[in-house]
Amino acid sequence: SALIGQPFARFVLRDDQDTFYKHRQRLLETEAPQSCELRLVKKDGHEFNARLECTVLKNKGNDLKQIRAAVSDITGQERAEALLESETFLKTLIDTIPTPVFYKDRDGKYLGFNRAFETFFGEVKKRLIGKSVFDLNPPEFAGIYNAKDNELFNRGGVQRYESQVKNAHGKLRDVIFNKAV
């Protein structure tokens, strides 16, 4: 189609031209498959991040016949990697907070929390995920927490209240809950 016969470098962003030509030179010198990442421009003018993988093909006389290239759009992969890196950072940050931190779904089931939460309740993550306040607390306290959660879910915004919580050793602790939808 319209791409046949066009020099590939035409589709490489100006800032990545040097990377492309070094990649091509290495391919021709070593004749070993090469790959690199660079930014390309689509026919419609949109830019995207790509992985270019090239191989040298020769004829029977061992002369260079052509260079075969495969282009993969890695923009989505890079976004996923950045998101994973961000999630890892946030998990590490939350785990270093010495105050118990948790988050729940709309049904009041725990989806996650930090290490201080695990320590407070004397349980490990896999035994706490999916539990409710009724699974972790005496009924008189669980009723208060549940009512406050429902109030917050219905009203939205943020909520702050004082109550008591029984820790892993059965001791009552005065706490201030700070919650947000």
N, C-alpha and C. Protein backbone atom coordinates (compact mmCIF):
# COMPACT_ATOMS: atom_id res chain seq x y z
N SER A 1 0.84 -1.18 0.00
CA SER A 1 0.00 0.00 0.00
C SER A 1 0.88 1.24 0.00
N ALA A 2 0.44 2.30 0.66
CA ALA A 2 1.15 3.59 0.65
C ALA A 2 2.49 3.52 1.38
N LEU A 3 2.71 2.50 2.20
CA LEU A 3 3.95 2.39 2.95
C LEU A 3 5.06 1.69 2.16
N ILE A 4 4.69 0.88 1.20
CA ILE A 4 5.68 0.13 0.42
C ILE A 4 6.59 1.09 -0.33
N GLY A 5 7.89 0.85 -0.19
CA GLY A 5 8.87 1.67 -0.87
C GLY A 5 9.29 2.91 -0.09
N GLN A 6 8.63 3.18 1.02
CA GLN A 6 8.98 4.33 1.85
C GLN A 6 10.14 3.96 2.78
N PRO A 7 11.09 4.87 3.00
CA PRO A 7 12.15 4.57 3.97
C PRO A 7 11.57 4.53 5.38
N PHE A 8 11.95 3.52 6.15
CA PHE A 8 11.39 3.35 7.49
C PHE A 8 11.71 4.55 8.37
N ALA A 9 12.88 5.13 8.20
CA ALA A 9 13.29 6.27 9.03
C ALA A 9 12.30 7.43 8.95
N ARG A 10 11.54 7.47 7.88
CA ARG A 10 10.54 8.53 7.71
C ARG A 10 9.49 8.50 8.82
N PHE A 11 9.27 7.34 9.41
CA PHE A 11 8.24 7.18 10.42
C PHE A 11 8.79 7.28 11.85
N VAL A 12 10.11 7.46 11.97
CA VAL A 12 10.75 7.57 13.28
C VAL A 12 10.78 9.04 13.69
N LEU A 13 10.37 9.34 14.93
CA LEU A 13 10.41 10.71 15.41
C LEU A 13 11.83 11.26 15.31
N ARG A 14 11.93 12.53 15.04
CA ARG A 14 13.22 13.18 14.86
C ARG A 14 14.15 12.93 16.06
N ASP A 15 13.62 13.02 17.28
CA ASP A 15 14.43 12.81 18.49
C ASP A 15 14.96 11.39 18.60
N ASP A 16 14.34 10.43 17.90
CA ASP A 16 14.75 9.03 17.99
C ASP A 16 15.51 8.55 16.75
N GLN A 17 15.78 9.45 15.83
CA GLN A 17 16.49 9.07 14.61
C GLN A 17 17.87 8.47 14.93
N ASP A 18 18.60 9.08 15.86
CA ASP A 18 19.93 8.58 16.21
C ASP A 18 19.85 7.15 16.73
N THR A 19 18.86 6.88 17.58
CA THR A 19 18.66 5.53 18.12
C THR A 19 18.40 4.55 16.97
N PHE A 20 17.55 4.95 16.03
CA PHE A 20 17.22 4.09 14.90
C PHE A 20 18.47 3.78 14.06
N TYR A 21 19.25 4.80 13.74
CA TYR A 21 20.42 4.57 12.87
C TYR A 21 21.51 3.74 13.58
N LYS A 22 21.67 3.92 14.89
CA LYS A 22 22.61 3.08 15.64
C LYS A 22 22.14 1.63 15.65
N HIS A 23 20.86 1.44 15.83
CA HIS A 23 20.26 0.10 15.81
C HIS A 23 20.51 -0.56 14.45
N ARG A 24 20.25 0.18 13.39
CA ARG A 24 20.44 -0.34 12.03
C ARG A 24 21.91 -0.67 11.76
N GLN A 25 22.81 0.20 12.21
CA GLN A 25 24.24 -0.04 12.00
C GLN A 25 24.69 -1.31 12.74
N ARG A 26 24.23 -1.47 13.98
CA ARG A 26 24.57 -2.66 14.77
C ARG A 26 24.05 -3.92 14.08
N LEU A 27 22.86 -3.84 13.52
CA LEU A 27 22.27 -4.96 12.80
C LEU A 27 23.13 -5.35 11.60
N LEU A 28 23.53 -4.36 10.83
CA LEU A 28 24.34 -4.64 9.64
C LEU A 28 25.74 -5.14 9.99
N GLU A 29 26.31 -4.63 11.09
CA GLU A 29 27.66 -5.06 11.48
C GLU A 29 27.67 -6.46 12.06
N THR A 30 26.71 -6.79 12.89
CA THR A 30 26.72 -8.08 13.58
C THR A 30 25.92 -9.15 12.84
N GLU A 31 24.97 -8.72 12.03
CA GLU A 31 24.05 -9.61 11.33
C GLU A 31 23.23 -10.48 12.29
N ALA A 32 23.24 -10.08 13.55
CA ALA A 32 22.45 -10.79 14.57
C ALA A 32 21.14 -10.02 14.77
N PRO A 33 20.07 -10.70 15.07
CA PRO A 33 18.80 -10.01 15.31
C PRO A 33 18.99 -8.91 16.38
N GLN A 34 18.34 -7.79 16.16
CA GLN A 34 18.45 -6.64 17.05
C GLN A 34 17.05 -6.13 17.38
N SER A 35 16.95 -5.52 18.55
CA SER A 35 15.69 -4.85 18.90
C SER A 35 16.00 -3.55 19.63
N CYS A 36 15.11 -2.62 19.51
CA CYS A 36 15.24 -1.35 20.22
C CYS A 36 13.84 -0.77 20.41
N GLU A 37 13.77 0.21 21.30
CA GLU A 37 12.50 0.91 21.52
C GLU A 37 12.67 2.34 21.05
N LEU A 38 11.67 2.81 20.32
CA LEU A 38 11.68 4.18 19.84
C LEU A 38 10.26 4.65 19.59
N ARG A 39 10.13 5.91 19.25
CA ARG A 39 8.81 6.47 18.99
C ARG A 39 8.60 6.62 17.48
N LEU A 40 7.43 6.19 17.04
CA LEU A 40 7.10 6.26 15.62
C LEU A 40 5.88 7.15 15.41
N VAL A 41 5.67 7.54 14.16
CA VAL A 41 4.53 8.37 13.80
C VAL A 41 3.66 7.57 12.84
N LYS A 42 2.37 7.50 13.16
CA LYS A 42 1.42 6.82 12.27
C LYS A 42 1.09 7.73 11.09
N LYS A 43 0.46 7.15 10.10
CA LYS A 43 0.07 7.89 8.90
C LYS A 43 -0.81 9.09 9.25
N ASP A 44 -1.63 8.93 10.30
CA ASP A 44 -2.53 10.03 10.70
C ASP A 44 -1.84 11.08 11.57
N GLY A 45 -0.52 10.90 11.82
CA GLY A 45 0.25 11.89 12.59
C GLY A 45 0.37 11.59 14.07
N HIS A 46 -0.35 10.60 14.56
CA HIS A 46 -0.26 10.25 15.98
C HIS A 46 1.05 9.51 16.26
N GLU A 47 1.64 9.83 17.40
CA GLU A 47 2.88 9.18 17.82
C GLU A 47 2.55 7.98 18.71
N PHE A 48 3.44 7.00 18.70
CA PHE A 48 3.30 5.86 19.62
C PHE A 48 4.66 5.28 19.93
N ASN A 49 4.75 4.64 21.08
CA ASN A 49 5.99 3.97 21.50
C ASN A 49 6.00 2.58 20.90
N ALA A 50 7.15 2.22 20.33
CA ALA A 50 7.23 0.95 19.61
C ALA A 50 8.49 0.18 19.97
N ARG A 51 8.40 -1.12 19.82
CA ARG A 51 9.57 -1.99 19.89
C ARG A 51 9.81 -2.46 18.46
N LEU A 52 11.03 -2.24 17.99
CA LEU A 52 11.42 -2.61 16.64
C LEU A 52 12.36 -3.80 16.74
N GLU A 53 11.99 -4.91 16.10
CA GLU A 53 12.83 -6.11 16.10
C GLU A 53 13.18 -6.42 14.65
N CYS A 54 14.49 -6.47 14.38
CA CYS A 54 14.96 -6.62 13.00
C CYS A 54 15.87 -7.84 12.83
N THR A 55 15.82 -8.39 11.62
CA THR A 55 16.65 -9.53 11.22
C THR A 55 17.16 -9.29 9.81
N VAL A 56 18.40 -9.71 9.57
CA VAL A 56 18.99 -9.61 8.24
C VAL A 56 18.67 -10.89 7.48
N LEU A 57 18.21 -10.73 6.24
CA LEU A 57 17.97 -11.87 5.36
C LEU A 57 18.96 -11.79 4.20
N LYS A 58 19.59 -12.93 3.87
CA LYS A 58 20.57 -12.95 2.79
C LYS A 58 20.12 -13.91 1.69
N ASN A 59 20.68 -13.70 0.52
CA ASN A 59 20.37 -14.62 -0.59
C ASN A 59 21.36 -15.79 -0.56
N LYS A 60 21.27 -16.67 -1.54
CA LYS A 60 22.15 -17.86 -1.59
C LYS A 60 23.63 -17.49 -1.68
N GLY A 61 23.94 -16.34 -2.26
CA GLY A 61 25.33 -15.89 -2.38
C GLY A 61 25.82 -15.21 -1.11
N ASN A 62 25.02 -15.27 -0.05
CA ASN A 62 25.34 -14.69 1.25
C ASN A 62 25.41 -13.16 1.20
N ASP A 63 24.71 -12.58 0.22
CA ASP A 63 24.64 -11.13 0.13
C ASP A 63 23.37 -10.67 0.84
N LEU A 64 23.44 -9.45 1.38
CA LEU A 64 22.28 -8.87 2.04
C LEU A 64 21.14 -8.76 1.03
N LYS A 65 20.04 -9.39 1.36
CA LYS A 65 18.87 -9.34 0.49
C LYS A 65 17.90 -8.28 1.01
N GLN A 66 17.61 -8.35 2.33
CA GLN A 66 16.69 -7.38 2.92
C GLN A 66 16.80 -7.42 4.44
N ILE A 67 16.22 -6.42 5.02
CA ILE A 67 16.09 -6.38 6.48
C ILE A 67 14.61 -6.53 6.76
N ARG A 68 14.29 -7.52 7.57
CA ARG A 68 12.89 -7.73 7.98
C ARG A 68 12.72 -7.11 9.36
N ALA A 69 11.64 -6.39 9.54
CA ALA A 69 11.38 -5.73 10.81
C ALA A 69 9.96 -6.01 11.27
N ALA A 70 9.83 -6.17 12.56
CA ALA A 70 8.51 -6.30 13.19
C ALA A 70 8.37 -5.15 14.17
N VAL A 71 7.27 -4.45 14.07
CA VAL A 71 7.01 -3.30 14.93
C VAL A 71 5.85 -3.66 15.86
N SER A 72 6.07 -3.44 17.15
CA SER A 72 5.01 -3.68 18.14
C SER A 72 4.73 -2.38 18.88
N ASP A 73 3.47 -2.03 18.98
CA ASP A 73 3.07 -0.86 19.75
C ASP A 73 3.13 -1.25 21.23
N ILE A 74 4.00 -0.62 21.98
CA ILE A 74 4.19 -0.96 23.40
C ILE A 74 3.65 0.13 24.32
N THR A 75 2.88 1.04 23.78
CA THR A 75 2.34 2.14 24.59
C THR A 75 1.50 1.59 25.75
N GLY A 76 0.61 0.66 25.47
CA GLY A 76 -0.23 0.08 26.52
C GLY A 76 0.58 -0.67 27.56
N GLN A 77 1.59 -1.39 27.10
CA GLN A 77 2.47 -2.14 28.01
C GLN A 77 3.21 -1.18 28.94
N GLU A 78 3.68 -0.06 28.39
CA GLU A 78 4.39 0.92 29.22
C GLU A 78 3.46 1.54 30.24
N ARG A 79 2.22 1.80 29.84
CA ARG A 79 1.24 2.34 30.79
C ARG A 79 0.97 1.34 31.91
N ALA A 80 0.84 0.08 31.56
CA ALA A 80 0.60 -0.96 32.56
C ALA A 80 1.78 -1.08 33.52
N GLU A 81 3.00 -1.01 32.99
CA GLU A 81 4.20 -1.06 33.84
C GLU A 81 4.25 0.14 34.77
N ALA A 82 3.91 1.32 34.27
CA ALA A 82 3.91 2.52 35.10
C ALA A 82 2.85 2.40 36.20
N LEU A 83 1.70 1.86 35.86
CA LEU A 83 0.64 1.67 36.84
C LEU A 83 1.07 0.69 37.92
N LEU A 84 1.69 -0.40 37.52
CA LEU A 84 2.18 -1.39 38.48
C LEU A 84 3.22 -0.77 39.40
N GLU A 85 4.11 0.02 38.83
CA GLU A 85 5.13 0.70 39.63
C GLU A 85 4.48 1.66 40.63
N SER A 86 3.46 2.37 40.19
CA SER A 86 2.74 3.29 41.05
C SER A 86 2.01 2.55 42.17
N GLU A 87 1.37 1.43 41.84
CA GLU A 87 0.68 0.63 42.84
C GLU A 87 1.65 0.08 43.87
N THR A 88 2.81 -0.37 43.42
CA THR A 88 3.84 -0.89 44.33
C THR A 88 4.31 0.21 45.27
N PHE A 89 4.52 1.39 44.72
CA PHE A 89 4.94 2.52 45.54
C PHE A 89 3.89 2.84 46.60
N LEU A 90 2.62 2.93 46.20
CA LEU A 90 1.56 3.25 47.15
C LEU A 90 1.41 2.17 48.23
N LYS A 91 1.53 0.90 47.84
CA LYS A 91 1.44 -0.19 48.82
C LYS A 91 2.58 -0.07 49.84
N THR A 92 3.78 0.21 49.36
CA THR A 92 4.93 0.38 50.26
C THR A 92 4.70 1.57 51.19
N LEU A 93 4.22 2.66 50.63
CA LEU A 93 3.95 3.85 51.43
C LEU A 93 2.92 3.57 52.52
N ILE A 94 1.81 2.95 52.14
CA ILE A 94 0.76 2.65 53.11
C ILE A 94 1.25 1.67 54.18
N ASP A 95 2.06 0.70 53.78
CA ASP A 95 2.58 -0.28 54.74
C ASP A 95 3.52 0.35 55.77
N THR A 96 4.13 1.48 55.46
CA THR A 96 5.05 2.11 56.41
C THR A 96 4.34 3.02 57.40
N ILE A 97 3.06 3.30 57.17
CA ILE A 97 2.30 4.13 58.12
C ILE A 97 2.03 3.28 59.36
N PRO A 98 2.40 3.80 60.55
CA PRO A 98 2.24 3.01 61.78
C PRO A 98 0.80 2.90 62.28
N THR A 99 -0.11 3.66 61.72
CA THR A 99 -1.52 3.63 62.09
C THR A 99 -2.26 2.65 61.17
N PRO A 100 -3.16 1.83 61.73
CA PRO A 100 -3.92 0.91 60.87
C PRO A 100 -4.71 1.66 59.79
N VAL A 101 -4.53 1.23 58.55
CA VAL A 101 -5.22 1.81 57.40
C VAL A 101 -5.89 0.65 56.66
N PHE A 102 -7.14 0.87 56.25
CA PHE A 102 -7.87 -0.17 55.53
C PHE A 102 -8.76 0.44 54.47
N TYR A 103 -9.23 -0.40 53.55
CA TYR A 103 -10.25 0.01 52.61
C TYR A 103 -11.18 -1.17 52.37
N LYS A 104 -12.45 -0.82 52.09
CA LYS A 104 -13.51 -1.82 51.96
C LYS A 104 -14.29 -1.60 50.68
N ASP A 105 -15.07 -2.62 50.31
CA ASP A 105 -16.00 -2.45 49.20
C ASP A 105 -17.33 -1.92 49.73
N ARG A 106 -18.28 -1.72 48.85
CA ARG A 106 -19.59 -1.16 49.23
C ARG A 106 -20.35 -2.07 50.19
N ASP A 107 -20.04 -3.36 50.18
CA ASP A 107 -20.70 -4.31 51.08
C ASP A 107 -20.02 -4.39 52.44
N GLY A 108 -18.99 -3.56 52.65
CA GLY A 108 -18.32 -3.54 53.95
C GLY A 108 -17.27 -4.62 54.13
N LYS A 109 -16.87 -5.27 53.05
CA LYS A 109 -15.84 -6.32 53.11
C LYS A 109 -14.47 -5.68 52.91
N TYR A 110 -13.51 -6.09 53.73
CA TYR A 110 -12.15 -5.55 53.62
C TYR A 110 -11.50 -6.02 52.33
N LEU A 111 -10.99 -5.06 51.56
CA LEU A 111 -10.28 -5.36 50.32
C LEU A 111 -8.78 -5.27 50.50
N GLY A 112 -8.34 -4.48 51.46
CA GLY A 112 -6.92 -4.31 51.70
C GLY A 112 -6.66 -3.46 52.91
N PHE A 113 -5.41 -3.46 53.35
CA PHE A 113 -5.01 -2.74 54.55
C PHE A 113 -3.50 -2.77 54.65
N ASN A 114 -2.98 -2.06 55.63
CA ASN A 114 -1.54 -2.05 55.82
C ASN A 114 -1.11 -3.03 56.91
N ARG A 115 0.21 -3.11 57.12
CA ARG A 115 0.76 -4.05 58.12
C ARG A 115 0.30 -3.72 59.53
N ALA A 116 0.16 -2.42 59.83
CA ALA A 116 -0.28 -2.02 61.17
C ALA A 116 -1.68 -2.58 61.46
N PHE A 117 -2.53 -2.66 60.45
CA PHE A 117 -3.87 -3.24 60.61
C PHE A 117 -3.75 -4.72 60.94
N GLU A 118 -2.89 -5.43 60.21
CA GLU A 118 -2.67 -6.86 60.46
C GLU A 118 -2.17 -7.08 61.88
N THR A 119 -1.21 -6.26 62.29
CA THR A 119 -0.63 -6.39 63.63
C THR A 119 -1.69 -6.12 64.70
N PHE A 120 -2.50 -5.10 64.48
CA PHE A 120 -3.52 -4.74 65.45
C PHE A 120 -4.49 -5.89 65.69
N PHE A 121 -4.89 -6.55 64.59
CA PHE A 121 -5.85 -7.65 64.72
C PHE A 121 -5.17 -9.01 64.88
N GLY A 122 -3.85 -9.06 64.80
CA GLY A 122 -3.12 -10.31 65.00
C GLY A 122 -3.41 -11.36 63.95
N GLU A 123 -3.67 -10.92 62.74
CA GLU A 123 -3.98 -11.83 61.63
C GLU A 123 -3.14 -11.48 60.42
N VAL A 124 -3.07 -12.41 59.50
CA VAL A 124 -2.37 -12.17 58.24
C VAL A 124 -3.38 -11.80 57.17
N LYS A 125 -2.88 -11.15 56.15
CA LYS A 125 -3.71 -10.62 55.07
C LYS A 125 -4.73 -11.63 54.53
N LYS A 126 -4.26 -12.83 54.20
CA LYS A 126 -5.16 -13.79 53.55
C LYS A 126 -6.32 -14.20 54.44
N ARG A 127 -6.19 -14.03 55.75
CA ARG A 127 -7.29 -14.38 56.65
C ARG A 127 -8.20 -13.20 56.95
N LEU A 128 -7.81 -11.99 56.47
CA LEU A 128 -8.61 -10.80 56.73
C LEU A 128 -9.36 -10.31 55.49
N ILE A 129 -8.80 -10.55 54.31
CA ILE A 129 -9.44 -10.09 53.07
C ILE A 129 -10.83 -10.74 52.95
N GLY A 130 -11.82 -9.90 52.61
CA GLY A 130 -13.17 -10.40 52.42
C GLY A 130 -13.98 -10.48 53.71
N LYS A 131 -13.36 -10.20 54.84
CA LYS A 131 -14.08 -10.22 56.13
C LYS A 131 -14.82 -8.90 56.31
N SER A 132 -15.77 -8.89 57.24
CA SER A 132 -16.50 -7.67 57.57
C SER A 132 -16.18 -7.28 59.01
N VAL A 133 -16.68 -6.14 59.45
CA VAL A 133 -16.46 -5.72 60.84
C VAL A 133 -17.07 -6.74 61.81
N PHE A 134 -18.11 -7.44 61.38
CA PHE A 134 -18.73 -8.45 62.24
C PHE A 134 -17.85 -9.68 62.41
N ASP A 135 -16.97 -9.93 61.45
CA ASP A 135 -16.05 -11.06 61.54
C ASP A 135 -14.86 -10.76 62.44
N LEU A 136 -14.54 -9.48 62.62
CA LEU A 136 -13.33 -9.11 63.35
C LEU A 136 -13.57 -8.48 64.71
N ASN A 137 -14.79 -8.08 65.00
CA ASN A 137 -15.05 -7.31 66.21
C ASN A 137 -16.23 -7.87 66.99
N PRO A 138 -16.26 -7.57 68.30
CA PRO A 138 -17.43 -7.95 69.11
C PRO A 138 -18.68 -7.27 68.56
N PRO A 139 -19.85 -7.91 68.67
CA PRO A 139 -21.08 -7.38 68.07
C PRO A 139 -21.41 -5.94 68.46
N GLU A 140 -21.16 -5.55 69.70
CA GLU A 140 -21.52 -4.20 70.12
C GLU A 140 -20.69 -3.13 69.39
N PHE A 141 -19.45 -3.44 69.06
CA PHE A 141 -18.61 -2.50 68.31
C PHE A 141 -18.87 -2.62 66.80
N ALA A 142 -19.04 -3.85 66.33
CA ALA A 142 -19.28 -4.08 64.90
C ALA A 142 -20.54 -3.35 64.45
N GLY A 143 -21.57 -3.32 65.28
CA GLY A 143 -22.81 -2.61 64.95
C GLY A 143 -22.57 -1.12 64.76
N ILE A 144 -21.74 -0.54 65.62
CA ILE A 144 -21.41 0.89 65.50
C ILE A 144 -20.66 1.15 64.20
N TYR A 145 -19.61 0.36 63.95
CA TYR A 145 -18.80 0.56 62.74
C TYR A 145 -19.64 0.38 61.47
N ASN A 146 -20.50 -0.63 61.48
CA ASN A 146 -21.34 -0.90 60.31
C ASN A 146 -22.31 0.25 60.06
N ALA A 147 -22.94 0.75 61.13
CA ALA A 147 -23.89 1.87 61.00
C ALA A 147 -23.17 3.10 60.46
N LYS A 148 -21.97 3.37 60.96
CA LYS A 148 -21.19 4.52 60.48
C LYS A 148 -20.78 4.34 59.02
N ASP A 149 -20.39 3.12 58.65
CA ASP A 149 -20.04 2.86 57.25
C ASP A 149 -21.24 3.12 56.34
N ASN A 150 -22.40 2.59 56.72
CA ASN A 150 -23.61 2.78 55.91
C ASN A 150 -23.98 4.26 55.79
N GLU A 151 -23.85 4.98 56.90
CA GLU A 151 -24.10 6.43 56.88
C GLU A 151 -23.16 7.12 55.89
N LEU A 152 -21.89 6.74 55.93
CA LEU A 152 -20.90 7.35 55.03
C LEU A 152 -21.17 6.98 53.58
N PHE A 153 -21.50 5.74 53.32
CA PHE A 153 -21.80 5.33 51.94
C PHE A 153 -23.01 6.08 51.40
N ASN A 154 -24.01 6.29 52.23
CA ASN A 154 -25.23 6.97 51.79
C ASN A 154 -25.04 8.48 51.63
N ARG A 155 -24.25 9.08 52.50
CA ARG A 155 -24.06 10.52 52.48
C ARG A 155 -22.88 10.95 51.61
N GLY A 156 -21.86 10.10 51.55
CA GLY A 156 -20.64 10.45 50.81
C GLY A 156 -19.74 11.35 51.63
N GLY A 157 -18.67 11.80 51.01
CA GLY A 157 -17.76 12.73 51.67
C GLY A 157 -16.80 12.04 52.62
N VAL A 158 -16.56 12.72 53.76
CA VAL A 158 -15.63 12.20 54.77
C VAL A 158 -16.36 12.08 56.10
N GLN A 159 -15.76 11.31 56.99
CA GLN A 159 -16.39 11.05 58.28
C GLN A 159 -15.29 10.91 59.34
N ARG A 160 -15.56 11.46 60.51
CA ARG A 160 -14.62 11.33 61.62
C ARG A 160 -15.44 11.08 62.89
N TYR A 161 -15.06 10.02 63.61
CA TYR A 161 -15.75 9.73 64.86
C TYR A 161 -14.84 8.95 65.81
N GLU A 162 -15.17 9.02 67.08
CA GLU A 162 -14.41 8.30 68.11
C GLU A 162 -15.18 7.06 68.51
N SER A 163 -14.42 6.01 68.80
CA SER A 163 -15.03 4.77 69.27
C SER A 163 -13.94 3.97 69.97
N GLN A 164 -14.25 2.73 70.25
CA GLN A 164 -13.27 1.82 70.82
C GLN A 164 -13.14 0.61 69.91
N VAL A 165 -11.94 0.01 69.95
CA VAL A 165 -11.66 -1.19 69.17
C VAL A 165 -10.91 -2.14 70.08
N LYS A 166 -11.26 -3.43 69.98
CA LYS A 166 -10.57 -4.45 70.75
C LYS A 166 -9.45 -5.01 69.87
N ASN A 167 -8.21 -4.97 70.40
CA ASN A 167 -7.07 -5.43 69.60
C ASN A 167 -6.90 -6.95 69.70
N ALA A 168 -5.83 -7.45 69.12
CA ALA A 168 -5.57 -8.89 69.08
C ALA A 168 -5.38 -9.50 70.46
N HIS A 169 -5.01 -8.67 71.44
CA HIS A 169 -4.79 -9.16 72.80
C HIS A 169 -6.01 -8.97 73.69
N GLY A 170 -7.14 -8.57 73.07
CA GLY A 170 -8.38 -8.40 73.81
C GLY A 170 -8.48 -7.09 74.58
N LYS A 171 -7.53 -6.18 74.37
CA LYS A 171 -7.55 -4.91 75.08
C LYS A 171 -8.32 -3.87 74.28
N LEU A 172 -9.14 -3.09 74.99
CA LEU A 172 -9.89 -2.02 74.35
C LEU A 172 -8.97 -0.82 74.14
N ARG A 173 -9.07 -0.26 72.96
CA ARG A 173 -8.28 0.93 72.60
C ARG A 173 -9.24 2.01 72.14
N ASP A 174 -9.04 3.23 72.64
CA ASP A 174 -9.79 4.37 72.14
C ASP A 174 -9.17 4.77 70.81
N VAL A 175 -10.01 4.95 69.80
CA VAL A 175 -9.51 5.30 68.47
C VAL A 175 -10.36 6.41 67.86
N ILE A 176 -9.76 7.10 66.91
CA ILE A 176 -10.49 8.08 66.10
C ILE A 176 -10.47 7.54 64.69
N PHE A 177 -11.65 7.31 64.15
CA PHE A 177 -11.78 6.84 62.76
C PHE A 177 -11.84 8.04 61.83
N ASN A 178 -11.06 8.03 60.80
CA ASN A 178 -11.12 9.00 59.71
C ASN A 178 -11.41 8.21 58.45
N LYS A 179 -12.57 8.43 57.86
CA LYS A 179 -12.98 7.64 56.69
C LYS A 179 -13.45 8.56 55.58
N ALA A 180 -13.32 8.06 54.37
CA ALA A 180 -13.80 8.79 53.20
C ALA A 180 -14.30 7.79 52.17
N VAL A 181 -15.29 8.22 51.38
CA VAL A 181 -15.80 7.36 50.31
C VAL A 181 -14.83 7.43 49.15
